[in-house]
């Protein structure tokens, strides 16, 4: 597996004496498309079956609707999103974006700066 296809993380678990300890572990990411018109990205489920971690070495997509109504929480890197009305905004680590344009012409997304781009995709309810 390449570094692009592995998510390393630190866990805390109970130790044999009833205390706690750190454990280094990883989640293997599978490369797959995340939306029509977007190059495949490394994706890993985080155990809930709904929240996904995504990583891409680059991101330069043609206009596309969101694959589902979802929050995009930026973890690493910066993306630039342009809507069909011509407005462009940048999103960096810690920023949240609600992608709710699941129909129509959609938006375009470009990675800005050094790769990789990393984000959490979290399903969003209709009432948000």
N, C-alpha and C. Protein backbone atom coordinates (compact mmCIF):
# COMPACT_ATOMS: atom_id res chain seq x y z
N UNK A 1 0.84 -1.19 0.00
CA UNK A 1 0.00 0.00 0.00
C UNK A 1 0.89 1.25 0.00
N UNK A 2 0.49 2.20 -0.79
CA UNK A 2 1.22 3.47 -0.80
C UNK A 2 0.78 4.34 0.37
N UNK A 3 1.56 5.36 0.65
CA UNK A 3 1.22 6.28 1.74
C UNK A 3 -0.12 6.95 1.46
N UNK A 4 -0.45 7.16 0.18
CA UNK A 4 -1.73 7.76 -0.18
C UNK A 4 -2.89 6.87 0.22
N UNK A 5 -2.66 5.57 0.32
CA UNK A 5 -3.73 4.62 0.58
C UNK A 5 -3.77 4.11 2.02
N UNK A 6 -3.08 4.79 2.93
CA UNK A 6 -3.08 4.39 4.34
C UNK A 6 -3.29 5.63 5.21
N UNK A 7 -4.24 5.54 6.15
CA UNK A 7 -4.49 6.60 7.12
C UNK A 7 -3.94 6.12 8.46
N UNK A 8 -2.89 6.76 8.94
CA UNK A 8 -2.32 6.42 10.25
C UNK A 8 -3.03 7.24 11.32
N UNK A 9 -3.30 6.61 12.46
CA UNK A 9 -3.93 7.33 13.55
C UNK A 9 -3.44 6.76 14.88
N UNK A 10 -3.69 7.50 15.94
CA UNK A 10 -3.35 7.07 17.29
C UNK A 10 -4.64 6.82 18.05
N UNK A 11 -4.70 5.67 18.69
CA UNK A 11 -5.85 5.34 19.52
C UNK A 11 -5.46 5.30 20.98
N UNK A 12 -6.45 5.36 21.85
CA UNK A 12 -6.24 5.17 23.28
C UNK A 12 -7.08 3.96 23.68
N UNK A 13 -6.45 3.00 24.33
CA UNK A 13 -7.19 1.82 24.76
C UNK A 13 -6.85 1.50 26.21
N UNK A 14 -7.69 0.67 26.81
CA UNK A 14 -7.45 0.27 28.19
C UNK A 14 -6.28 -0.71 28.24
N UNK A 15 -5.39 -0.49 29.20
CA UNK A 15 -4.25 -1.39 29.38
C UNK A 15 -4.65 -2.54 30.32
N UNK A 16 -3.80 -3.56 30.38
CA UNK A 16 -4.08 -4.74 31.19
C UNK A 16 -4.28 -4.41 32.66
N UNK A 17 -3.64 -3.34 33.14
CA UNK A 17 -3.76 -2.97 34.55
C UNK A 17 -4.95 -2.06 34.83
N UNK A 18 -5.82 -1.85 33.83
CA UNK A 18 -6.99 -1.01 34.02
C UNK A 18 -6.76 0.45 33.70
N UNK A 19 -5.53 0.80 33.35
CA UNK A 19 -5.22 2.17 32.97
C UNK A 19 -5.48 2.39 31.48
N UNK A 20 -4.69 3.22 30.88
CA UNK A 20 -4.84 3.46 29.45
C UNK A 20 -3.48 3.55 28.79
N UNK A 21 -3.46 3.35 27.47
CA UNK A 21 -2.22 3.47 26.72
C UNK A 21 -2.54 3.87 25.29
N UNK A 22 -1.53 4.47 24.62
CA UNK A 22 -1.66 4.82 23.22
C UNK A 22 -1.35 3.60 22.36
N UNK A 23 -2.04 3.50 21.22
CA UNK A 23 -1.79 2.46 20.25
C UNK A 23 -1.76 3.11 18.87
N UNK A 24 -0.69 2.86 18.12
CA UNK A 24 -0.60 3.35 16.76
C UNK A 24 -1.23 2.33 15.83
N UNK A 25 -2.09 2.80 14.93
CA UNK A 25 -2.80 1.88 14.04
C UNK A 25 -3.01 2.57 12.70
N UNK A 26 -3.73 1.90 11.81
CA UNK A 26 -3.98 2.47 10.49
C UNK A 26 -5.30 1.95 9.93
N UNK A 27 -5.81 2.69 9.00
CA UNK A 27 -6.97 2.29 8.21
C UNK A 27 -6.51 2.24 6.77
N UNK A 28 -6.74 1.13 6.10
CA UNK A 28 -6.40 1.02 4.69
C UNK A 28 -7.48 1.71 3.88
N UNK A 29 -7.06 2.53 2.94
CA UNK A 29 -7.98 3.30 2.11
C UNK A 29 -8.07 2.64 0.74
N UNK A 30 -9.29 2.57 0.20
CA UNK A 30 -9.50 2.05 -1.14
C UNK A 30 -9.68 3.20 -2.12
N UNK A 31 -9.06 3.11 -3.26
CA UNK A 31 -9.18 4.17 -4.26
C UNK A 31 -10.44 3.92 -5.08
N UNK A 32 -11.33 4.94 -5.08
CA UNK A 32 -12.59 4.81 -5.82
C UNK A 32 -13.13 6.20 -6.15
N UNK A 33 -14.04 6.27 -7.13
CA UNK A 33 -14.67 7.56 -7.43
C UNK A 33 -15.57 7.99 -6.27
N UNK A 34 -15.64 9.29 -6.01
CA UNK A 34 -16.53 9.79 -4.97
C UNK A 34 -17.70 10.57 -5.55
N UNK A 35 -17.59 10.99 -6.81
CA UNK A 35 -18.67 11.71 -7.49
C UNK A 35 -18.41 11.66 -8.99
N UNK A 36 -19.46 11.77 -9.78
CA UNK A 36 -19.33 11.82 -11.22
C UNK A 36 -18.52 13.06 -11.59
N UNK A 37 -17.51 12.91 -12.44
CA UNK A 37 -16.70 14.03 -12.87
C UNK A 37 -15.51 14.33 -11.97
N UNK A 38 -15.30 13.51 -10.93
CA UNK A 38 -14.20 13.72 -9.99
C UNK A 38 -13.26 12.52 -10.09
N UNK A 39 -11.95 12.77 -10.19
CA UNK A 39 -10.98 11.67 -10.23
C UNK A 39 -11.11 10.83 -8.97
N UNK A 40 -10.83 9.52 -9.06
CA UNK A 40 -10.88 8.66 -7.88
C UNK A 40 -9.98 9.18 -6.77
N UNK A 41 -10.40 8.96 -5.52
CA UNK A 41 -9.65 9.37 -4.34
C UNK A 41 -9.51 8.17 -3.42
N UNK A 42 -8.56 8.23 -2.50
CA UNK A 42 -8.41 7.21 -1.48
C UNK A 42 -9.48 7.46 -0.42
N UNK A 43 -10.31 6.45 -0.15
CA UNK A 43 -11.45 6.61 0.76
C UNK A 43 -11.42 5.49 1.80
N UNK A 44 -11.71 5.85 3.04
CA UNK A 44 -11.80 4.86 4.11
C UNK A 44 -12.96 5.18 5.03
N UNK A 45 -13.77 4.18 5.30
CA UNK A 45 -14.87 4.35 6.25
C UNK A 45 -14.29 4.40 7.66
N UNK A 46 -14.91 5.20 8.52
CA UNK A 46 -14.40 5.37 9.88
C UNK A 46 -15.18 4.56 10.91
N UNK A 47 -15.81 3.48 10.44
CA UNK A 47 -16.48 2.59 11.37
C UNK A 47 -17.98 2.77 11.43
N UNK A 48 -18.48 3.93 11.11
CA UNK A 48 -19.92 4.17 11.19
C UNK A 48 -20.62 3.73 9.91
N UNK A 49 -19.84 3.54 8.86
CA UNK A 49 -20.44 3.20 7.57
C UNK A 49 -20.99 4.42 6.85
N UNK A 50 -21.00 5.56 7.51
CA UNK A 50 -21.56 6.76 6.90
C UNK A 50 -20.51 7.85 6.72
N UNK A 51 -19.67 8.05 7.72
CA UNK A 51 -18.63 9.08 7.64
C UNK A 51 -17.44 8.47 6.91
N UNK A 52 -16.90 9.23 5.95
CA UNK A 52 -15.75 8.73 5.19
C UNK A 52 -14.60 9.74 5.28
N UNK A 53 -13.39 9.21 5.30
CA UNK A 53 -12.18 10.00 5.20
C UNK A 53 -11.72 9.90 3.75
N UNK A 54 -11.40 11.04 3.13
CA UNK A 54 -10.93 11.02 1.74
C UNK A 54 -9.58 11.73 1.65
N UNK A 55 -8.73 11.20 0.76
CA UNK A 55 -7.41 11.78 0.52
C UNK A 55 -7.16 11.76 -0.97
N UNK A 56 -6.62 12.84 -1.49
CA UNK A 56 -6.30 12.92 -2.91
C UNK A 56 -4.99 13.65 -3.10
N UNK A 57 -4.19 13.16 -4.05
CA UNK A 57 -2.93 13.82 -4.37
C UNK A 57 -3.15 15.10 -5.15
N UNK A 58 -4.32 15.25 -5.72
CA UNK A 58 -4.69 16.45 -6.47
C UNK A 58 -6.19 16.44 -6.66
N UNK A 59 -6.75 17.57 -6.97
CA UNK A 59 -8.20 17.64 -7.10
C UNK A 59 -8.50 18.73 -8.10
N UNK A 60 -8.89 18.34 -9.27
CA UNK A 60 -9.20 19.30 -10.33
C UNK A 60 -10.39 18.74 -11.09
N UNK A 61 -11.57 18.98 -10.58
CA UNK A 61 -12.77 18.35 -11.10
C UNK A 61 -13.53 19.26 -12.05
N UNK A 62 -14.14 18.63 -13.03
CA UNK A 62 -15.08 19.35 -13.87
C UNK A 62 -16.32 19.64 -13.03
N UNK A 63 -17.17 20.57 -13.44
CA UNK A 63 -18.38 20.82 -12.65
C UNK A 63 -19.17 19.54 -12.43
N UNK A 64 -19.62 19.37 -11.20
CA UNK A 64 -20.34 18.15 -10.81
C UNK A 64 -21.24 18.46 -9.62
N UNK A 65 -22.40 17.78 -9.54
CA UNK A 65 -23.21 17.92 -8.32
C UNK A 65 -22.58 17.07 -7.21
N UNK A 66 -22.89 17.41 -5.97
CA UNK A 66 -22.43 16.60 -4.85
C UNK A 66 -23.04 15.21 -4.96
N UNK A 67 -22.29 14.15 -4.61
CA UNK A 67 -22.83 12.79 -4.72
C UNK A 67 -23.93 12.52 -3.70
N UNK A 68 -23.95 13.30 -2.63
CA UNK A 68 -24.96 13.18 -1.57
C UNK A 68 -24.93 14.49 -0.79
N UNK A 69 -26.00 14.77 -0.09
CA UNK A 69 -26.02 15.94 0.78
C UNK A 69 -25.07 15.65 1.94
N UNK A 70 -23.97 16.42 2.03
CA UNK A 70 -22.94 16.07 3.01
C UNK A 70 -22.15 17.28 3.46
N UNK A 71 -21.65 17.17 4.69
CA UNK A 71 -20.68 18.12 5.20
C UNK A 71 -19.32 17.71 4.68
N UNK A 72 -18.51 18.68 4.29
CA UNK A 72 -17.11 18.44 3.95
C UNK A 72 -16.31 19.21 4.99
N UNK A 73 -15.58 18.48 5.83
CA UNK A 73 -14.78 19.10 6.88
C UNK A 73 -13.32 18.96 6.45
N UNK A 74 -12.70 20.09 6.18
CA UNK A 74 -11.32 20.08 5.70
C UNK A 74 -10.37 19.69 6.84
N UNK A 75 -9.49 18.75 6.55
CA UNK A 75 -8.51 18.27 7.52
C UNK A 75 -7.11 18.73 7.12
N UNK A 76 -6.78 18.65 5.83
CA UNK A 76 -5.44 19.00 5.35
C UNK A 76 -5.54 19.53 3.93
N UNK A 77 -4.73 20.52 3.62
CA UNK A 77 -4.74 21.10 2.28
C UNK A 77 -5.83 22.15 2.14
N UNK A 78 -5.89 22.73 0.97
CA UNK A 78 -6.87 23.78 0.69
C UNK A 78 -7.52 23.49 -0.65
N UNK A 79 -8.83 23.69 -0.71
CA UNK A 79 -9.56 23.55 -1.97
C UNK A 79 -10.20 24.88 -2.32
N UNK A 80 -10.43 25.06 -3.59
CA UNK A 80 -11.12 26.24 -4.10
C UNK A 80 -12.36 25.73 -4.82
N UNK A 81 -13.52 26.20 -4.40
CA UNK A 81 -14.79 25.76 -4.97
C UNK A 81 -15.41 26.94 -5.71
N UNK A 82 -15.87 26.66 -6.94
CA UNK A 82 -16.53 27.69 -7.75
C UNK A 82 -17.94 27.22 -8.07
N UNK A 83 -18.92 28.07 -7.78
CA UNK A 83 -20.31 27.76 -8.09
C UNK A 83 -20.64 28.30 -9.49
N UNK A 84 -21.77 27.89 -10.02
CA UNK A 84 -22.12 28.28 -11.40
C UNK A 84 -22.40 29.77 -11.55
N UNK A 85 -22.62 30.48 -10.44
CA UNK A 85 -22.81 31.93 -10.55
C UNK A 85 -21.47 32.67 -10.63
N UNK A 86 -20.36 31.90 -10.62
CA UNK A 86 -19.03 32.48 -10.79
C UNK A 86 -18.29 32.81 -9.50
N UNK A 87 -18.95 32.68 -8.35
CA UNK A 87 -18.27 32.98 -7.09
C UNK A 87 -17.32 31.85 -6.71
N UNK A 88 -16.13 32.21 -6.23
CA UNK A 88 -15.13 31.24 -5.81
C UNK A 88 -14.76 31.51 -4.36
N UNK A 89 -14.68 30.42 -3.57
CA UNK A 89 -14.26 30.52 -2.17
C UNK A 89 -13.25 29.42 -1.87
N UNK A 90 -12.36 29.71 -0.91
CA UNK A 90 -11.36 28.73 -0.49
C UNK A 90 -11.73 28.15 0.87
N UNK A 91 -11.41 26.87 1.04
CA UNK A 91 -11.67 26.16 2.28
C UNK A 91 -10.39 25.45 2.70
N UNK A 92 -9.97 25.67 3.96
CA UNK A 92 -8.72 25.16 4.49
C UNK A 92 -9.00 24.33 5.75
N UNK A 93 -7.96 23.73 6.35
CA UNK A 93 -8.18 22.91 7.54
C UNK A 93 -9.03 23.61 8.60
N UNK A 94 -10.02 22.87 9.07
CA UNK A 94 -10.95 23.39 10.07
C UNK A 94 -12.22 23.98 9.48
N UNK A 95 -12.22 24.29 8.18
CA UNK A 95 -13.42 24.84 7.55
C UNK A 95 -14.43 23.73 7.26
N UNK A 96 -15.70 24.11 7.31
CA UNK A 96 -16.80 23.19 7.01
C UNK A 96 -17.59 23.75 5.84
N UNK A 97 -17.97 22.87 4.93
CA UNK A 97 -18.76 23.23 3.76
C UNK A 97 -19.92 22.25 3.67
N UNK A 98 -21.14 22.75 3.53
CA UNK A 98 -22.30 21.89 3.33
C UNK A 98 -22.54 21.78 1.83
N UNK A 99 -22.24 20.62 1.26
CA UNK A 99 -22.45 20.38 -0.17
C UNK A 99 -23.87 19.83 -0.33
N UNK A 100 -24.78 20.68 -0.79
CA UNK A 100 -26.18 20.30 -0.89
C UNK A 100 -26.71 20.41 -2.32
N UNK A 101 -25.82 20.67 -3.27
CA UNK A 101 -26.23 20.79 -4.67
C UNK A 101 -26.20 19.42 -5.35
N UNK A 102 -27.08 18.51 -4.91
CA UNK A 102 -27.08 17.13 -5.39
C UNK A 102 -27.73 16.98 -6.77
N UNK A 103 -28.34 18.01 -7.27
CA UNK A 103 -28.93 18.01 -8.61
C UNK A 103 -28.46 19.24 -9.35
N UNK A 104 -28.67 19.27 -10.63
CA UNK A 104 -28.32 20.44 -11.42
C UNK A 104 -26.89 20.42 -11.90
N UNK A 105 -26.34 21.60 -12.20
CA UNK A 105 -25.01 21.71 -12.79
C UNK A 105 -23.88 21.53 -11.78
N UNK A 106 -24.15 21.73 -10.51
CA UNK A 106 -23.15 21.49 -9.48
C UNK A 106 -22.13 22.61 -9.34
N UNK A 107 -20.93 22.24 -8.97
CA UNK A 107 -19.84 23.16 -8.68
C UNK A 107 -18.55 22.52 -9.17
N UNK A 108 -17.47 23.29 -9.23
CA UNK A 108 -16.15 22.71 -9.54
C UNK A 108 -15.24 22.93 -8.35
N UNK A 109 -14.28 22.01 -8.20
CA UNK A 109 -13.36 22.04 -7.07
C UNK A 109 -11.94 21.85 -7.56
N UNK A 110 -11.03 22.65 -7.05
CA UNK A 110 -9.62 22.56 -7.42
C UNK A 110 -8.79 22.58 -6.13
N UNK A 111 -7.80 21.68 -6.05
CA UNK A 111 -6.86 21.71 -4.93
C UNK A 111 -5.91 22.88 -5.12
N UNK A 112 -5.59 23.55 -4.02
CA UNK A 112 -4.70 24.70 -4.06
C UNK A 112 -3.52 24.40 -3.14
N UNK A 113 -2.30 24.63 -3.62
CA UNK A 113 -1.13 24.41 -2.79
C UNK A 113 -0.64 22.98 -2.82
N UNK A 114 0.12 22.64 -1.79
CA UNK A 114 0.76 21.33 -1.72
C UNK A 114 -0.23 20.22 -1.38
N UNK A 115 -0.18 19.09 -2.08
CA UNK A 115 -1.02 17.95 -1.73
C UNK A 115 -0.47 17.27 -0.48
N UNK A 116 -1.22 16.40 0.15
CA UNK A 116 -2.53 15.94 -0.29
C UNK A 116 -3.66 16.78 0.28
N UNK A 117 -4.81 16.64 -0.33
CA UNK A 117 -6.07 17.18 0.15
C UNK A 117 -6.69 16.08 1.00
N UNK A 118 -7.14 16.41 2.22
CA UNK A 118 -7.81 15.43 3.09
C UNK A 118 -9.05 16.07 3.69
N UNK A 119 -10.11 15.28 3.78
CA UNK A 119 -11.36 15.79 4.34
C UNK A 119 -12.19 14.65 4.91
N UNK A 120 -13.12 15.01 5.76
CA UNK A 120 -14.15 14.09 6.23
C UNK A 120 -15.43 14.42 5.48
N UNK A 121 -16.08 13.41 4.93
CA UNK A 121 -17.39 13.57 4.30
C UNK A 121 -18.41 12.99 5.27
N UNK A 122 -19.33 13.84 5.75
CA UNK A 122 -20.31 13.44 6.77
C UNK A 122 -21.71 13.67 6.22
N UNK A 123 -22.55 12.63 6.16
CA UNK A 123 -23.91 12.81 5.65
C UNK A 123 -24.64 13.90 6.43
N UNK A 124 -25.43 14.71 5.71
CA UNK A 124 -26.17 15.81 6.32
C UNK A 124 -27.66 15.57 6.15
N UNK A 125 -28.44 15.84 7.19
CA UNK A 125 -29.90 15.69 7.07
C UNK A 125 -30.49 16.75 6.17
N UNK A 126 -31.67 16.50 5.69
CA UNK A 126 -32.36 17.44 4.78
C UNK A 126 -32.71 18.74 5.45
N UNK A 127 -32.91 18.76 6.74
CA UNK A 127 -33.37 19.99 7.42
C UNK A 127 -32.25 20.93 7.81
N UNK A 128 -31.04 20.69 7.40
CA UNK A 128 -29.91 21.56 7.77
C UNK A 128 -29.59 22.48 6.63
